[in-house]
Amino acid sequence: SLADNDNVGSLFDSDSEDDNGNTGGRKRGKTVAEGLEVGMKAMSAGFHAVATAISSQQPPCLPTQPQHMEQFMEARFNSVIEQLQVQNQNLAALVELLRKD
């Protein structure tokens, strides 16, 4: 099994030597991992923000008059768009971070 293999540790150790005696770049590996972690947190925050915006806009009962319904829908639309823009900015930051590596 993979757990019984004595070389398992070296598979994940970026400072270990390859067949030519070269060591891996621990800094680069760590940077990419950190970038992915930042990206996952940003995406998670974006999804949570959208879910929060949607759930916080749910009134106990919907307005019955057309004018009130229109205002309600406009406010909800604006809130969701704002949260999607934040999520888009977070994803753009992730892409830039990953391109630098």
Protein backbone atom coordinates (compact mmCIF):
# COMPACT_ATOMS: atom_id res chain seq x y z
CA SER A 1 0.00 0.00 0.00
CA LEU A 2 1.04 3.63 -0.39
CA ALA A 3 1.19 4.09 3.38
CA ASP A 4 3.77 1.26 3.63
CA ASN A 5 6.08 2.84 1.05
CA ASP A 6 9.23 4.32 2.64
CA ASN A 7 9.46 6.93 -0.14
CA VAL A 8 6.08 8.51 0.58
CA GLY A 9 7.65 11.31 2.61
CA SER A 10 10.03 12.25 -0.19
CA LEU A 11 7.14 12.46 -2.65
CA PHE A 12 5.78 15.40 -0.71
CA ASP A 13 9.09 16.94 0.39
CA SER A 14 9.96 19.65 -2.12
CA ASP A 15 13.52 19.93 -0.72
CA SER A 16 14.38 16.31 -1.50
CA GLU A 17 16.80 15.55 -4.34
CA ASP A 18 15.70 14.14 -7.67
CA ASP A 19 17.70 11.54 -9.68
CA ASN A 20 20.12 14.24 -10.89
CA GLY A 21 20.86 15.58 -7.41
CA ASN A 22 18.75 18.72 -7.87
CA THR A 23 16.64 19.92 -5.00
CA GLY A 24 13.09 21.05 -5.53
CA GLY A 25 12.05 24.63 -4.95
CA ARG A 26 10.34 24.61 -1.58
CA LYS A 27 9.59 28.31 -1.85
CA ARG A 28 7.77 27.92 -5.17
CA GLY A 29 5.78 24.95 -3.91
CA LYS A 30 4.80 26.81 -0.79
CA THR A 31 3.84 29.91 -2.76
CA VAL A 32 1.55 27.96 -5.08
CA ALA A 33 -0.01 26.16 -2.12
CA GLU A 34 -0.55 29.45 -0.33
CA GLY A 35 -2.06 30.90 -3.50
CA LEU A 36 -4.47 28.02 -3.79
CA GLU A 37 -5.41 28.37 -0.13
CA VAL A 38 -6.05 32.10 -0.60
CA GLY A 39 -8.10 31.36 -3.68
CA MET A 40 -10.20 28.73 -2.00
CA LYS A 41 -10.85 31.06 0.94
CA ALA A 42 -11.77 33.87 -1.47
CA MET A 43 -14.17 31.64 -3.38
CA SER A 44 -15.69 30.37 -0.15
CA ALA A 45 -16.11 33.91 1.13
CA GLY A 46 -17.74 34.90 -2.15
CA PHE A 47 -20.22 32.04 -2.06
CA HIS A 48 -21.03 32.74 1.58
CA ALA A 49 -21.52 36.43 0.79
CA VAL A 50 -23.96 35.60 -2.01
CA ALA A 51 -25.85 33.15 0.21
CA THR A 52 -25.99 35.72 3.01
CA ALA A 53 -27.23 38.41 0.64
CA ILE A 54 -29.96 36.15 -0.66
CA SER A 55 -31.07 34.89 2.75
CA SER A 56 -30.99 38.34 4.38
CA GLN A 57 -33.30 39.70 1.69
CA GLN A 58 -36.03 37.16 2.39
CA PRO A 59 -38.92 38.98 4.09
CA PRO A 60 -41.46 37.12 6.23
CA CYS A 61 -44.01 37.67 3.48
CA LEU A 62 -43.67 39.07 -0.03
CA PRO A 63 -45.21 42.46 -0.80
CA THR A 64 -48.55 42.16 -2.55
CA GLN A 65 -48.66 45.48 -4.40
CA PRO A 66 -46.80 45.57 -7.74
CA GLN A 67 -44.87 48.74 -6.83
CA HIS A 68 -43.58 47.21 -3.60
CA MET A 69 -42.70 43.99 -5.41
CA GLU A 70 -40.70 45.94 -7.99
CA GLN A 71 -38.77 47.79 -5.27
CA PHE A 72 -38.14 44.55 -3.42
CA MET A 73 -36.85 42.80 -6.55
CA GLU A 74 -34.65 45.77 -7.48
CA ALA A 75 -33.07 45.86 -4.00
CA ARG A 76 -32.49 42.12 -4.03
CA PHE A 77 -30.99 42.24 -7.53
CA ASN A 78 -28.62 45.06 -6.54
CA SER A 79 -27.51 43.17 -3.44
CA VAL A 80 -26.78 39.97 -5.35
CA ILE A 81 -24.92 41.87 -8.10
CA GLU A 82 -22.77 43.59 -5.47
CA GLN A 83 -21.86 40.27 -3.88
CA LEU A 84 -21.05 38.73 -7.27
CA GLN A 85 -18.73 41.65 -8.03
CA VAL A 86 -16.87 41.02 -4.77
CA GLN A 87 -16.55 37.35 -5.66
CA ASN A 88 -15.31 38.27 -9.15
CA GLN A 89 -12.65 40.56 -7.66
CA ASN A 90 -11.52 37.78 -5.33
CA LEU A 91 -11.21 35.33 -8.22
CA ALA A 92 -9.29 37.90 -10.29
CA ALA A 93 -6.85 38.34 -7.40
CA LEU A 94 -6.39 34.57 -7.26
CA VAL A 95 -5.67 34.37 -11.00
CA GLU A 96 -3.07 37.14 -10.71
CA LEU A 97 -1.43 35.40 -7.77
CA LEU A 98 -1.24 32.10 -9.63
CA ARG A 99 0.16 33.76 -12.77
CA LYS A 100 3.03 35.27 -10.75
CA ASP A 101 4.18 31.78 -9.82
